[in-house]
Amino acid sequence: MACCTISYSSKVGTWTAAEASVLLPDRAESKEPFPVLYLLNDTNDNHTSIGRKTRLEWYAKDLPLVIVLPDGERGYYTDITSGHAYEQLIIQDLMGFIEKFFPVRRERAGRAIGGFGMGGYGALKLALKYPDLFGSVTAHGSACNLGHSVGQDADNTWKAEYLRIFGPNSKGGDNDIFALARRFGDAEWPGIRFDCGLDDLALEENRAFHSHLDRLGVEHEYLELPGSHDWDYCDARLPELLQFHWKTLGHPAP
């Protein structure tokens, strides 16, 4: 695969040059636009992390798929009242740039989104909040409680950051994936698959979200697997992620 770094301006935030990595398939002979996967990074990572610390390129090398790795900084993919509009940076600016300058499909059935940790939360939130945009979503070791609750054992630094990002009354709002799932309405659900390591600190909140979807009667795949919240676990999930998206978007098995 070819890899490039793009720099683009934000129309809705305060960036002058946001960045993302883009992986392009080798199958240049195809005249059809490619499906596209947006893969969101975890806290304290950037758009280069997944590509540097996993074998993503190797796993995807035979797929006619464009993979976009945005830089989510530490914004939790949320429009912050007193800061950057991280959600709209993805939905408006980045997706608009990709669909203007790269040969990708521009309809729901050709778009997928996934993520790890903070990025897993971001992927689930964006897929549920914009059901007309994404046909499938995957998430690994997700911080499902972001926007829903602050843990009682959270230290003061994290509580202050949570309030800065989500505000004091976030539960039930537009950044709460439990609430978004409850009020999803008549829109077509994306294909949903998420998992968590048995030694991941986020295990209980993933179990809670799984039970929440079950109570709502939402079809989804949920797995608990050996591992912790680290790059080994993330790397092991990538072939499953690619296979799920490829199947859900209606393509033959790679």
Protein backbone atom coordinates (compact mmCIF):
# COMPACT_ATOMS: atom_id res chain seq x y z
CA MET A 1 0.00 0.00 0.00
CA ALA A 2 1.00 3.59 -0.51
CA CYS A 3 0.89 5.92 2.48
CA CYS A 4 0.61 9.69 2.42
CA THR A 5 0.07 12.44 4.97
CA ILE A 6 -2.51 15.08 4.19
CA SER A 7 -2.87 18.53 5.69
CA TYR A 8 -6.21 20.26 5.47
CA SER A 9 -7.82 23.39 6.86
CA SER A 10 -10.79 23.35 9.20
CA LYS A 11 -13.91 25.30 8.26
CA VAL A 12 -15.66 24.73 11.58
CA GLY A 13 -12.79 24.85 14.07
CA THR A 14 -9.67 26.89 14.66
CA TRP A 15 -7.11 24.69 12.90
CA THR A 16 -5.14 26.00 9.98
CA ALA A 17 -3.56 22.62 9.21
CA ALA A 18 -5.05 19.44 10.65
CA GLU A 19 -3.34 16.20 9.58
CA ALA A 20 -4.28 12.62 8.74
CA SER A 21 -2.55 9.59 7.23
CA VAL A 22 -4.12 7.90 4.21
CA LEU A 23 -3.36 4.33 3.11
CA LEU A 24 -4.07 3.68 -0.55
CA PRO A 25 -4.51 0.26 -2.19
CA ASP A 26 -2.11 -1.02 -4.80
CA ARG A 27 -4.90 -2.01 -7.18
CA ALA A 28 -4.58 1.06 -9.33
CA GLU A 29 -6.15 -0.72 -12.29
CA SER A 30 -9.61 -0.44 -10.71
CA LYS A 31 -11.82 2.16 -12.35
CA GLU A 32 -14.39 2.05 -9.56
CA PRO A 33 -14.14 4.22 -6.43
CA PHE A 34 -12.94 2.40 -3.31
CA PRO A 35 -14.80 1.92 -0.04
CA VAL A 36 -13.22 3.93 2.77
CA LEU A 37 -12.51 3.12 6.42
CA TYR A 38 -11.93 5.89 8.97
CA LEU A 39 -9.86 4.47 11.84
CA LEU A 40 -9.69 6.64 14.98
CA ASN A 41 -6.77 6.74 17.41
CA ASP A 42 -6.71 6.33 21.19
CA THR A 43 -5.89 8.92 23.84
CA ASN A 44 -2.31 10.28 23.70
CA ASP A 45 -1.82 8.95 20.14
CA ASN A 46 -1.93 10.67 16.76
CA HIS A 47 -2.58 9.83 13.11
CA THR A 48 0.71 7.93 12.80
CA SER A 49 0.32 5.65 15.82
CA ILE A 50 -1.76 2.77 14.44
CA GLY A 51 0.35 2.61 11.30
CA ARG A 52 3.62 2.59 13.25
CA LYS A 53 2.65 0.26 16.08
CA THR A 54 0.58 -2.38 14.28
CA ARG A 55 0.71 -4.41 11.05
CA LEU A 56 -2.28 -2.61 9.58
CA GLU A 57 -0.65 -2.16 6.16
CA TRP A 58 0.21 -5.85 5.96
CA TYR A 59 -3.30 -6.96 6.91
CA ALA A 60 -4.91 -4.60 4.38
CA LYS A 61 -2.41 -5.03 1.54
CA ASP A 62 -4.72 -7.13 -0.66
CA LEU A 63 -7.89 -5.12 -0.06
CA PRO A 64 -9.12 -2.48 -2.52
CA LEU A 65 -9.81 -0.21 0.44
CA VAL A 66 -8.76 3.33 1.37
CA ILE A 67 -7.95 3.69 5.09
CA VAL A 68 -7.92 7.15 6.68
CA LEU A 69 -6.20 7.70 10.03
CA PRO A 70 -7.18 11.11 11.47
CA ASP A 71 -5.40 12.90 14.29
CA GLY A 72 -7.94 13.05 17.10
CA GLU A 73 -5.46 14.62 19.53
CA ARG A 74 -7.03 14.42 23.00
CA GLY A 75 -10.40 15.78 21.94
CA TYR A 76 -12.54 12.64 22.39
CA TYR A 77 -14.03 13.28 18.94
CA THR A 78 -16.29 15.87 20.53
CA ASP A 79 -17.05 19.52 19.75
CA ILE A 80 -15.63 21.23 22.82
CA THR A 81 -17.40 24.36 24.01
CA SER A 82 -14.14 26.09 24.86
CA GLY A 83 -11.91 24.43 22.27
CA HIS A 84 -11.69 22.66 18.93
CA ALA A 85 -14.69 21.11 17.16
CA TYR A 86 -13.18 17.61 16.95
CA GLU A 87 -16.41 15.92 15.89
CA GLN A 88 -17.04 18.26 12.99
CA LEU A 89 -13.38 18.07 12.02
CA ILE A 90 -14.07 14.44 11.08
CA ILE A 91 -17.63 14.71 9.79
CA GLN A 92 -17.33 17.89 7.73
CA ASP A 93 -13.72 18.79 7.09
CA LEU A 94 -11.89 15.47 6.78
CA MET A 95 -14.63 13.50 5.05
CA GLY A 96 -15.21 16.39 2.66
CA PHE A 97 -11.49 16.55 1.84
CA ILE A 98 -11.17 12.79 1.33
CA GLU A 99 -14.22 12.60 -0.92
CA LYS A 100 -13.03 15.54 -2.99
CA PHE A 101 -9.43 14.48 -3.59
CA PHE A 102 -9.41 10.65 -3.31
CA PRO A 103 -11.22 7.99 -5.39
CA VAL A 104 -13.59 6.83 -2.64
CA ARG A 105 -17.27 6.00 -2.55
CA ARG A 106 -19.48 8.80 -1.29
CA GLU A 107 -22.46 6.88 0.04
CA ARG A 108 -23.24 5.15 3.31
CA ALA A 109 -22.70 1.66 1.90
CA GLY A 110 -19.12 2.58 1.03
CA ARG A 111 -18.09 4.12 4.37
CA ALA A 112 -16.95 2.39 7.57
CA ILE A 113 -15.57 3.69 10.85
CA GLY A 114 -13.64 2.07 13.69
CA GLY A 115 -11.36 2.89 16.56
CA PHE A 116 -9.41 1.84 19.65
CA GLY A 117 -9.98 3.18 23.17
CA MET A 118 -10.96 6.83 22.84
CA GLY A 119 -11.26 6.15 19.11
CA GLY A 120 -13.61 3.24 19.77
CA TYR A 121 -15.91 5.57 21.68
CA GLY A 122 -15.59 8.12 18.87
CA ALA A 123 -16.43 5.54 16.21
CA LEU A 124 -19.53 4.29 18.06
CA LYS A 125 -20.71 7.82 18.76
CA LEU A 126 -20.29 9.05 15.19
CA ALA A 127 -21.91 5.95 13.70
CA LEU A 128 -24.95 6.28 15.98
CA LYS A 129 -25.17 10.05 15.69
CA TYR A 130 -24.89 10.11 11.88
CA PRO A 131 -26.63 6.90 10.76
CA ASP A 132 -26.83 8.14 7.18
CA LEU A 133 -23.04 8.28 6.86
CA PHE A 134 -21.62 4.90 7.94
CA GLY A 135 -22.60 1.35 6.98
CA SER A 136 -20.53 -0.36 9.68
CA VAL A 137 -18.67 0.40 12.89
CA THR A 138 -16.11 -1.49 14.97
CA ALA A 139 -14.59 -0.59 18.33
CA HIS A 140 -11.96 -2.16 20.58
CA GLY A 141 -11.41 -1.52 24.29
CA SER A 142 -13.74 1.47 24.00
CA ALA A 143 -14.25 4.11 26.64
CA CYS A 144 -18.02 3.60 26.44
CA ASN A 145 -18.74 5.76 29.48
CA LEU A 146 -17.35 8.93 27.92
CA GLY A 147 -20.21 11.40 27.82
CA HIS A 148 -22.28 9.06 30.02
CA SER A 149 -20.66 9.13 33.45
CA VAL A 150 -17.50 9.89 35.37
CA GLY A 151 -16.19 6.98 37.40
CA GLN A 152 -16.32 7.46 41.16
CA ASP A 153 -12.66 6.54 41.39
CA ALA A 154 -11.59 9.08 38.75
CA ASP A 155 -8.91 11.45 39.97
CA ASN A 156 -9.44 15.20 40.04
CA THR A 157 -7.35 15.75 36.91
CA TRP A 158 -9.53 13.42 34.84
CA LYS A 159 -12.74 14.87 36.28
CA ALA A 160 -11.58 18.37 35.32
CA GLU A 161 -10.77 17.20 31.80
CA TYR A 162 -14.11 15.40 31.51
CA LEU A 163 -15.99 18.54 32.50
CA ARG A 164 -13.98 20.63 30.05
CA ILE A 165 -14.78 18.26 27.18
CA PHE A 166 -18.32 17.11 27.94
CA GLY A 167 -19.70 19.70 30.35
CA PRO A 168 -21.49 19.10 33.67
CA ASN A 169 -24.72 17.60 32.24
CA SER A 170 -23.50 15.25 29.53
CA LYS A 171 -25.53 12.16 30.50
CA GLY A 172 -28.40 11.72 28.07
CA GLY A 173 -26.92 14.23 25.64
CA ASP A 174 -25.48 14.09 22.14
CA ASN A 175 -22.14 12.65 23.32
CA ASP A 176 -23.65 9.80 25.36
CA ILE A 177 -23.67 6.61 23.25
CA PHE A 178 -26.18 4.98 25.62
CA ALA A 179 -28.61 7.83 24.92
CA LEU A 180 -27.85 7.87 21.19
CA ALA A 181 -28.67 4.17 20.93
CA ARG A 182 -31.93 4.67 22.86
CA ARG A 183 -33.19 7.39 20.54
CA PHE A 184 -31.90 5.97 17.30
CA GLY A 185 -35.41 5.93 15.83
CA ASP A 186 -36.28 4.46 12.45
CA ALA A 187 -32.87 4.97 10.84
CA GLU A 188 -31.10 1.89 9.51
CA TRP A 189 -28.62 0.58 12.05
CA PRO A 190 -25.03 0.17 10.89
CA GLY A 191 -23.34 -3.18 11.29
CA ILE A 192 -21.94 -3.05 14.85
CA ARG A 193 -19.07 -5.08 16.27
CA PHE A 194 -17.13 -4.25 19.42
CA ASP A 195 -14.91 -6.13 21.81
CA CYS A 196 -12.79 -5.70 24.91
CA GLY A 197 -9.82 -7.42 26.50
CA LEU A 198 -10.48 -9.39 29.68
CA ASP A 199 -7.75 -7.38 31.44
CA ASP A 200 -8.86 -4.02 30.07
CA LEU A 201 -9.99 -1.44 32.64
CA ALA A 202 -12.86 -0.58 30.28
CA LEU A 203 -14.32 -4.11 30.40
CA GLU A 204 -17.28 -3.32 32.66
CA GLU A 205 -18.42 -0.32 30.64
CA ASN A 206 -18.23 -2.41 27.44
CA ARG A 207 -20.34 -5.08 29.14
CA ALA A 208 -22.81 -2.40 30.18
CA PHE A 209 -23.13 -1.06 26.63
CA HIS A 210 -23.52 -4.60 25.26
CA SER A 211 -26.35 -5.24 27.75
CA HIS A 212 -27.89 -1.88 26.85
CA LEU A 213 -28.00 -2.81 23.15
CA ASP A 214 -29.45 -6.21 24.02
CA ARG A 215 -32.26 -4.57 26.00
CA LEU A 216 -33.00 -2.31 23.04
CA GLY A 217 -33.05 -5.30 20.68
CA VAL A 218 -30.18 -3.94 18.59
CA GLU A 219 -28.38 -6.53 16.49
CA HIS A 220 -24.63 -6.42 17.14
CA GLU A 221 -21.56 -8.55 17.77
CA TYR A 222 -19.78 -8.32 21.12
CA LEU A 223 -16.73 -10.31 22.19
CA GLU A 224 -14.51 -10.53 25.26
CA LEU A 225 -11.05 -11.78 24.44
CA PRO A 226 -7.75 -12.36 26.23
CA GLY A 227 -5.62 -9.26 26.45
CA SER A 228 -5.29 -5.80 27.89
CA HIS A 229 -5.48 -2.23 26.61
CA ASP A 230 -2.29 -2.30 24.58
CA TRP A 231 -0.94 -2.47 21.03
CA ASP A 232 -0.75 -6.26 21.04
CA TYR A 233 -4.49 -6.44 21.61
CA CYS A 234 -5.16 -3.74 19.01
CA ASP A 235 -2.97 -5.47 16.42
CA ALA A 236 -4.67 -8.82 16.99
CA ARG A 237 -8.09 -7.28 16.31
CA LEU A 238 -7.23 -5.59 13.01
CA PRO A 239 -7.75 -8.64 10.72
CA GLU A 240 -11.16 -9.19 12.36
CA LEU A 241 -11.98 -5.50 11.95
CA LEU A 242 -11.15 -5.53 8.26
CA GLN A 243 -13.07 -8.74 7.65
CA PHE A 244 -16.17 -7.45 9.47
CA HIS A 245 -16.25 -4.17 7.56
CA TRP A 246 -15.61 -5.89 4.24
CA LYS A 247 -18.44 -8.36 4.84
CA THR A 248 -20.86 -5.78 6.25
CA LEU A 249 -20.33 -3.42 3.34
CA GLY A 250 -21.38 -6.24 1.03
CA HIS A 251 -18.09 -7.26 -0.58
CA PRO A 252 -16.87 -10.80 -1.27
CA ALA A 253 -14.49 -12.30 1.27
CA PRO A 254 -10.94 -11.01 0.72
